């Protein structure tokens, strides 16, 4: 899997591990948004940056589900955050009765584990074990290094972390499902221009 990654990314990660230099996030190739609501009231917009250079298959799946180009049910719009653990993660993407699907037809393989869960706002694929990615994803509230090597990181929050934090603090039941559902009211891709640098 590692040969698929850009050489400069490997160098960057290696230098960071060896020298202890500050970690630098990878280049954002695409921007998407989630507009969230709860109880019919808008909570705000979360803007996500995606790492298409490093995990292109994972990013392509997510972008397609964001845009809805494959039609129902392969679309995040109207989906809810069904699993919320305060100070840990918020999780969504259970778009089918059996939990999720992908543009590849069911499960797809872990593309690589090149990137760490090293900060709040990391966007990562949820799974049920190795090579079981579909449509479910989560966003971290804190560094979660114990997830490294098991879950594929493919982006990060660029704006709207306050919305993520608000969702993480909503009351939940014993299964960590919010008592009052948090919905993805709208979602889509945002244009990247020359002024964008993350």
C-alpha atoms as a PDB file:
ATOM      1  CA  UNK A   1       0.000   0.000   0.000  1.00  0.00           C
ATOM      2  CA  UNK A   2       2.760   2.484   0.871  1.00  0.00           C
ATOM      3  CA  UNK A   3       4.212   2.662  -2.678  1.00  0.00           C
ATOM      4  CA  UNK A   4       0.953   4.357  -3.740  1.00  0.00           C
ATOM      5  CA  UNK A   5       1.690   7.315  -1.451  1.00  0.00           C
ATOM      6  CA  UNK A   6       3.506  10.364  -2.724  1.00  0.00           C
ATOM      7  CA  UNK A   7       7.241  10.193  -1.870  1.00  0.00           C
ATOM      8  CA  UNK A   8       7.209  13.608  -0.201  1.00  0.00           C
ATOM      9  CA  UNK A   9       4.493  12.422   2.188  1.00  0.00           C
ATOM     10  CA  UNK A  10       6.595   9.430   3.217  1.00  0.00           C
ATOM     11  CA  UNK A  11       9.579  11.726   3.751  1.00  0.00           C
ATOM     12  CA  UNK A  12       7.483  14.148   5.780  1.00  0.00           C
ATOM     13  CA  UNK A  13       6.101  11.459   8.061  1.00  0.00           C
ATOM     14  CA  UNK A  14       9.499   9.806   8.485  1.00  0.00           C
ATOM     15  CA  UNK A  15      11.236  13.066   9.394  1.00  0.00           C
ATOM     16  CA  UNK A  16       8.503  13.887  11.864  1.00  0.00           C
ATOM     17  CA  UNK A  17       8.880  10.516  13.595  1.00  0.00           C
ATOM     18  CA  UNK A  18      12.681  10.555  13.627  1.00  0.00           C
ATOM     19  CA  UNK A  19      13.364  14.185  14.499  1.00  0.00           C
ATOM     20  CA  UNK A  20      10.332  14.980  16.589  1.00  0.00           C
ATOM     21  CA  UNK A  21       9.570  17.897  14.268  1.00  0.00           C
ATOM     22  CA  UNK A  22       6.005  19.245  14.322  1.00  0.00           C
ATOM     23  CA  UNK A  23       3.593  17.192  12.227  1.00  0.00           C
ATOM     24  CA  UNK A  24       2.308  18.942   9.101  1.00  0.00           C
ATOM     25  CA  UNK A  25      -1.080  17.969   7.699  1.00  0.00           C
ATOM     26  CA  UNK A  26      -1.129  16.645   4.117  1.00  0.00           C
ATOM     27  CA  UNK A  27      -2.336  18.738   1.201  1.00  0.00           C
ATOM     28  CA  UNK A  28      -6.105  19.106   0.908  1.00  0.00           C
ATOM     29  CA  UNK A  29      -7.289  18.123  -2.579  1.00  0.00           C
ATOM     30  CA  UNK A  30     -11.040  18.624  -2.109  1.00  0.00           C
ATOM     31  CA  UNK A  31     -13.376  20.508   0.214  1.00  0.00           C
ATOM     32  CA  UNK A  32     -16.865  19.343   1.165  1.00  0.00           C
ATOM     33  CA  UNK A  33     -19.466  20.505   3.662  1.00  0.00           C
ATOM     34  CA  UNK A  34     -22.084  19.092   6.011  1.00  0.00           C
ATOM     35  CA  UNK A  35     -24.960  21.339   7.164  1.00  0.00           C
ATOM     36  CA  UNK A  36     -26.265  19.907  10.437  1.00  0.00           C
ATOM     37  CA  UNK A  37     -29.623  20.333  12.169  1.00  0.00           C
ATOM     38  CA  UNK A  38     -31.171  19.127  15.410  1.00  0.00           C
ATOM     39  CA  UNK A  39     -34.844  19.397  16.256  1.00  0.00           C
ATOM     40  CA  UNK A  40     -35.404  21.298  13.041  1.00  0.00           C
ATOM     41  CA  UNK A  41     -32.920  23.996  14.039  1.00  0.00           C
ATOM     42  CA  UNK A  42     -29.656  24.631  12.171  1.00  0.00           C
ATOM     43  CA  UNK A  43     -26.479  23.867  14.116  1.00  0.00           C
ATOM     44  CA  UNK A  44     -24.075  25.174  11.498  1.00  0.00           C
ATOM     45  CA  UNK A  45     -21.754  24.018   8.762  1.00  0.00           C
ATOM     46  CA  UNK A  46     -18.778  21.678   9.046  1.00  0.00           C
ATOM     47  CA  UNK A  47     -16.223  22.061   6.232  1.00  0.00           C
ATOM     48  CA  UNK A  48     -13.996  19.046   5.623  1.00  0.00           C
ATOM     49  CA  UNK A  49     -10.732  18.873   3.696  1.00  0.00           C
ATOM     50  CA  UNK A  50      -9.995  15.576   1.944  1.00  0.00           C
ATOM     51  CA  UNK A  51      -6.639  13.922   1.205  1.00  0.00           C
ATOM     52  CA  UNK A  52      -7.088  12.640  -2.337  1.00  0.00           C
ATOM     53  CA  UNK A  53      -3.333  12.337  -2.947  1.00  0.00           C
ATOM     54  CA  UNK A  54      -2.930   9.744  -0.209  1.00  0.00           C
ATOM     55  CA  UNK A  55      -6.221   7.809  -0.161  1.00  0.00           C
ATOM     56  CA  UNK A  56      -7.901   8.458  -3.547  1.00  0.00           C
ATOM     57  CA  UNK A  57     -10.325   5.509  -3.454  1.00  0.00           C
ATOM     58  CA  UNK A  58     -11.537   6.430   0.012  1.00  0.00           C
ATOM     59  CA  UNK A  59     -11.908  10.088  -0.957  1.00  0.00           C
ATOM     60  CA  UNK A  60     -13.748   9.227  -4.193  1.00  0.00           C
ATOM     61  CA  UNK A  61     -16.239   7.129  -2.242  1.00  0.00           C
ATOM     62  CA  UNK A  62     -16.831   9.916   0.288  1.00  0.00           C
ATOM     63  CA  UNK A  63     -17.207  12.604  -2.395  1.00  0.00           C
ATOM     64  CA  UNK A  64     -19.757  10.502  -4.284  1.00  0.00           C
ATOM     65  CA  UNK A  65     -21.786   9.965  -1.115  1.00  0.00           C
ATOM     66  CA  UNK A  66     -21.572  13.689  -0.337  1.00  0.00           C
ATOM     67  CA  UNK A  67     -22.806  14.700  -3.798  1.00  0.00           C
ATOM     68  CA  UNK A  68     -25.336  11.900  -4.217  1.00  0.00           C
ATOM     69  CA  UNK A  69     -24.268  11.306  -7.824  1.00  0.00           C
ATOM     70  CA  UNK A  70     -25.016   7.583  -7.467  1.00  0.00           C
ATOM     71  CA  UNK A  71     -28.580   8.287  -6.274  1.00  0.00           C
ATOM     72  CA  UNK A  72     -30.526   6.973  -3.298  1.00  0.00           C
ATOM     73  CA  UNK A  73     -29.534   5.442  -0.944  1.00  0.00           C
ATOM     74  CA  UNK A  74     -25.897   6.312  -1.708  1.00  0.00           C
ATOM     75  CA  UNK A  75     -26.176   9.826  -0.297  1.00  0.00           C
ATOM     76  CA  UNK A  76     -25.417  11.360   3.092  1.00  0.00           C
ATOM     77  CA  UNK A  77     -28.183  13.968   2.878  1.00  0.00           C
ATOM     78  CA  UNK A  78     -30.857  13.175   5.460  1.00  0.00           C
ATOM     79  CA  UNK A  79     -28.567  10.788   7.330  1.00  0.00           C
ATOM     80  CA  UNK A  80     -28.009  11.216  11.068  1.00  0.00           C
ATOM     81  CA  UNK A  81     -25.113  11.028  13.501  1.00  0.00           C
ATOM     82  CA  UNK A  82     -26.092   7.738  15.112  1.00  0.00           C
ATOM     83  CA  UNK A  83     -23.143   7.327  17.492  1.00  0.00           C
ATOM     84  CA  UNK A  84     -21.849  10.130  19.700  1.00  0.00           C
ATOM     85  CA  UNK A  85     -19.190   9.703  22.383  1.00  0.00           C
ATOM     86  CA  UNK A  86     -18.350  12.900  24.200  1.00  0.00           C
ATOM     87  CA  UNK A  87     -14.713  14.015  23.885  1.00  0.00           C
ATOM     88  CA  UNK A  88     -14.037  11.037  21.586  1.00  0.00           C
ATOM     89  CA  UNK A  89     -15.920  10.834  18.247  1.00  0.00           C
ATOM     90  CA  UNK A  90     -19.134  11.625  16.414  1.00  0.00           C
ATOM     91  CA  UNK A  91     -20.120   9.020  13.805  1.00  0.00           C
ATOM     92  CA  UNK A  92     -22.505   9.016  10.820  1.00  0.00           C
ATOM     93  CA  UNK A  93     -22.995   7.307   7.469  1.00  0.00           C
ATOM     94  CA  UNK A  94     -25.308   4.397   8.271  1.00  0.00           C
ATOM     95  CA  UNK A  95     -27.209   5.024   5.039  1.00  0.00           C
ATOM     96  CA  UNK A  96     -28.811   1.582   4.582  1.00  0.00           C
ATOM     97  CA  UNK A  97     -30.779  -0.757   6.863  1.00  0.00           C
ATOM     98  CA  UNK A  98     -27.728  -3.031   7.176  1.00  0.00           C
ATOM     99  CA  UNK A  99     -25.438  -0.181   8.231  1.00  0.00           C
ATOM    100  CA  UNK A 100     -23.826   1.214   5.104  1.00  0.00           C
ATOM    101  CA  UNK A 101     -22.742   0.812   1.508  1.00  0.00           C
ATOM    102  CA  UNK A 102     -20.131   2.161  -0.884  1.00  0.00           C
ATOM    103  CA  UNK A 103     -19.837   3.117  -4.540  1.00  0.00           C
ATOM    104  CA  UNK A 104     -17.747  -0.044  -4.949  1.00  0.00           C
ATOM    105  CA  UNK A 105     -20.641  -2.311  -3.994  1.00  0.00           C
ATOM    106  CA  UNK A 106     -20.434  -3.138  -0.296  1.00  0.00           C
ATOM    107  CA  UNK A 107     -17.156  -3.367   1.612  1.00  0.00           C
ATOM    108  CA  UNK A 108     -13.919  -1.967   0.247  1.00  0.00           C
ATOM    109  CA  UNK A 109     -10.382  -2.517   1.486  1.00  0.00           C
ATOM    110  CA  UNK A 110      -8.382  -0.352   3.873  1.00  0.00           C
ATOM    111  CA  UNK A 111      -6.416   1.792   1.444  1.00  0.00           C
ATOM    112  CA  UNK A 112      -3.559   2.481   3.856  1.00  0.00           C
ATOM    113  CA  UNK A 113      -2.883   3.625   7.408  1.00  0.00           C
ATOM    114  CA  UNK A 114      -0.373   6.311   6.470  1.00  0.00           C
ATOM    115  CA  UNK A 115      -1.965   9.108   8.488  1.00  0.00           C
ATOM    116  CA  UNK A 116      -2.403   9.361  12.267  1.00  0.00           C
ATOM    117  CA  UNK A 117      -5.372  10.254  14.464  1.00  0.00           C
ATOM    118  CA  UNK A 118      -3.245  12.902  16.123  1.00  0.00           C
ATOM    119  CA  UNK A 119      -5.557  15.870  16.681  1.00  0.00           C
ATOM    120  CA  UNK A 120      -9.168  16.971  17.082  1.00  0.00           C
ATOM    121  CA  UNK A 121     -11.085  17.115  13.817  1.00  0.00           C
ATOM    122  CA  UNK A 122      -9.585  14.067  12.106  1.00  0.00           C
ATOM    123  CA  UNK A 123     -11.946  12.512   9.524  1.00  0.00           C
ATOM    124  CA  UNK A 124     -11.671   8.724   9.375  1.00  0.00           C
ATOM    125  CA  UNK A 125     -13.549   5.689   8.076  1.00  0.00           C
ATOM    126  CA  UNK A 126     -15.524   3.645  10.597  1.00  0.00           C
ATOM    127  CA  UNK A 127     -15.434  -0.109  10.094  1.00  0.00           C
ATOM    128  CA  UNK A 128     -16.328  -3.473  11.573  1.00  0.00           C
ATOM    129  CA  UNK A 129     -12.836  -4.920  11.192  1.00  0.00           C
ATOM    130  CA  UNK A 130     -10.138  -5.100   8.518  1.00  0.00           C
ATOM    131  CA  UNK A 131     -11.213  -4.211   4.959  1.00  0.00           C
ATOM    132  CA  UNK A 132     -14.852  -3.529   5.907  1.00  0.00           C
ATOM    133  CA  UNK A 133     -15.186   0.131   4.900  1.00  0.00           C
ATOM    134  CA  UNK A 134     -18.515   1.308   3.475  1.00  0.00           C
ATOM    135  CA  UNK A 135     -20.112   4.709   4.078  1.00  0.00           C
ATOM    136  CA  UNK A 136     -19.711   5.164   7.824  1.00  0.00           C
ATOM    137  CA  UNK A 137     -17.237   7.776   9.026  1.00  0.00           C
ATOM    138  CA  UNK A 138     -16.297   9.574  12.209  1.00  0.00           C
ATOM    139  CA  UNK A 139     -14.716  12.837  13.330  1.00  0.00           C
ATOM    140  CA  UNK A 140     -12.451  12.925  16.373  1.00  0.00           C
ATOM    141  CA  UNK A 141     -12.735  15.338  19.291  1.00  0.00           C
ATOM    142  CA  UNK A 142      -9.231  14.701  20.603  1.00  0.00           C
ATOM    143  CA  UNK A 143      -6.051  12.876  19.565  1.00  0.00           C
ATOM    144  CA  UNK A 144      -6.857   9.141  19.436  1.00  0.00           C
ATOM    145  CA  UNK A 145      -3.566   7.364  18.635  1.00  0.00           C
ATOM    146  CA  UNK A 146      -4.929   3.932  19.614  1.00  0.00           C
ATOM    147  CA  UNK A 147      -7.018   4.067  16.411  1.00  0.00           C
ATOM    148  CA  UNK A 148      -3.909   4.266  14.212  1.00  0.00           C
ATOM    149  CA  UNK A 149      -3.394   1.182  12.067  1.00  0.00           C
ATOM    150  CA  UNK A 150      -7.047   0.152  12.264  1.00  0.00           C
ATOM    151  CA  UNK A 151      -9.001   3.047  10.743  1.00  0.00           C
ATOM    152  CA  UNK A 152      -8.225   4.942   7.524  1.00  0.00           C
ATOM    153  CA  UNK A 153      -7.743   8.701   7.946  1.00  0.00           C
ATOM    154  CA  UNK A 154      -8.814  10.592   4.818  1.00  0.00           C
ATOM    155  CA  UNK A 155      -9.348  14.208   5.848  1.00  0.00           C
ATOM    156  CA  UNK A 156      -9.830  16.770   8.590  1.00  0.00           C
ATOM    157  CA  UNK A 157     -12.150  19.563   9.723  1.00  0.00           C
ATOM    158  CA  UNK A 158     -11.178  22.898   8.166  1.00  0.00           C
ATOM    159  CA  UNK A 159     -14.013  24.925   9.681  1.00  0.00           C
ATOM    160  CA  UNK A 160     -16.894  24.268  12.054  1.00  0.00           C
ATOM    161  CA  UNK A 161     -15.135  22.371  14.827  1.00  0.00           C
ATOM    162  CA  UNK A 162     -17.418  24.197  17.266  1.00  0.00           C
ATOM    163  CA  UNK A 163     -20.354  22.429  15.585  1.00  0.00           C
ATOM    164  CA  UNK A 164     -18.640  19.046  15.974  1.00  0.00           C
ATOM    165  CA  UNK A 165     -18.047  19.799  19.655  1.00  0.00           C
ATOM    166  CA  UNK A 166     -21.679  20.816  20.148  1.00  0.00           C
ATOM    167  CA  UNK A 167     -22.869  17.540  18.623  1.00  0.00           C
ATOM    168  CA  UNK A 168     -20.458  15.600  20.831  1.00  0.00           C
ATOM    169  CA  UNK A 169     -22.114  17.072  23.920  1.00  0.00           C
ATOM    170  CA  UNK A 170     -25.702  16.190  23.009  1.00  0.00           C
ATOM    171  CA  UNK A 171     -27.395  13.763  25.465  1.00  0.00           C
ATOM    172  CA  UNK A 172     -27.312  10.123  24.329  1.00  0.00           C
ATOM    173  CA  UNK A 173     -28.861   6.799  25.332  1.00  0.00           C
ATOM    174  CA  UNK A 174     -27.046   3.659  26.487  1.00  0.00           C
ATOM    175  CA  UNK A 175     -26.109   2.880  22.866  1.00  0.00           C
ATOM    176  CA  UNK A 176     -24.588   6.361  22.416  1.00  0.00           C
ATOM    177  CA  UNK A 177     -27.391   7.410  20.065  1.00  0.00           C
ATOM    178  CA  UNK A 178     -28.583  11.011  20.543  1.00  0.00           C
ATOM    179  CA  UNK A 179     -32.016  11.330  22.136  1.00  0.00           C
ATOM    180  CA  UNK A 180     -32.676  14.132  19.675  1.00  0.00           C
ATOM    181  CA  UNK A 181     -31.322  13.202  16.266  1.00  0.00           C
ATOM    182  CA  UNK A 182     -28.656  15.295  14.554  1.00  0.00           C
ATOM    183  CA  UNK A 183     -29.243  15.253  10.796  1.00  0.00           C
ATOM    184  CA  UNK A 184     -27.134  16.076   7.759  1.00  0.00           C
ATOM    185  CA  UNK A 185     -29.640  18.495   6.262  1.00  0.00           C
ATOM    186  CA  UNK A 186     -27.443  19.323   3.303  1.00  0.00           C
ATOM    187  CA  UNK A 187     -24.045  18.379   1.933  1.00  0.00           C
ATOM    188  CA  UNK A 188     -21.938  18.948  -1.139  1.00  0.00           C
ATOM    189  CA  UNK A 189     -18.552  19.787  -2.595  1.00  0.00           C
ATOM    190  CA  UNK A 190     -17.003  23.264  -2.373  1.00  0.00           C
ATOM    191  CA  UNK A 191     -14.868  24.809  -5.070  1.00  0.00           C
ATOM    192  CA  UNK A 192     -11.123  24.904  -4.470  1.00  0.00           C
ATOM    193  CA  UNK A 193      -9.357  28.003  -5.763  1.00  0.00           C
ATOM    194  CA  UNK A 194      -5.842  29.427  -5.815  1.00  0.00           C
ATOM    195  CA  UNK A 195      -6.312  31.088  -2.426  1.00  0.00           C
ATOM    196  CA  UNK A 196      -6.962  27.746  -0.740  1.00  0.00           C
ATOM    197  CA  UNK A 197      -3.949  26.401   1.095  1.00  0.00           C
ATOM    198  CA  UNK A 198      -4.294  24.058   4.053  1.00  0.00           C
END
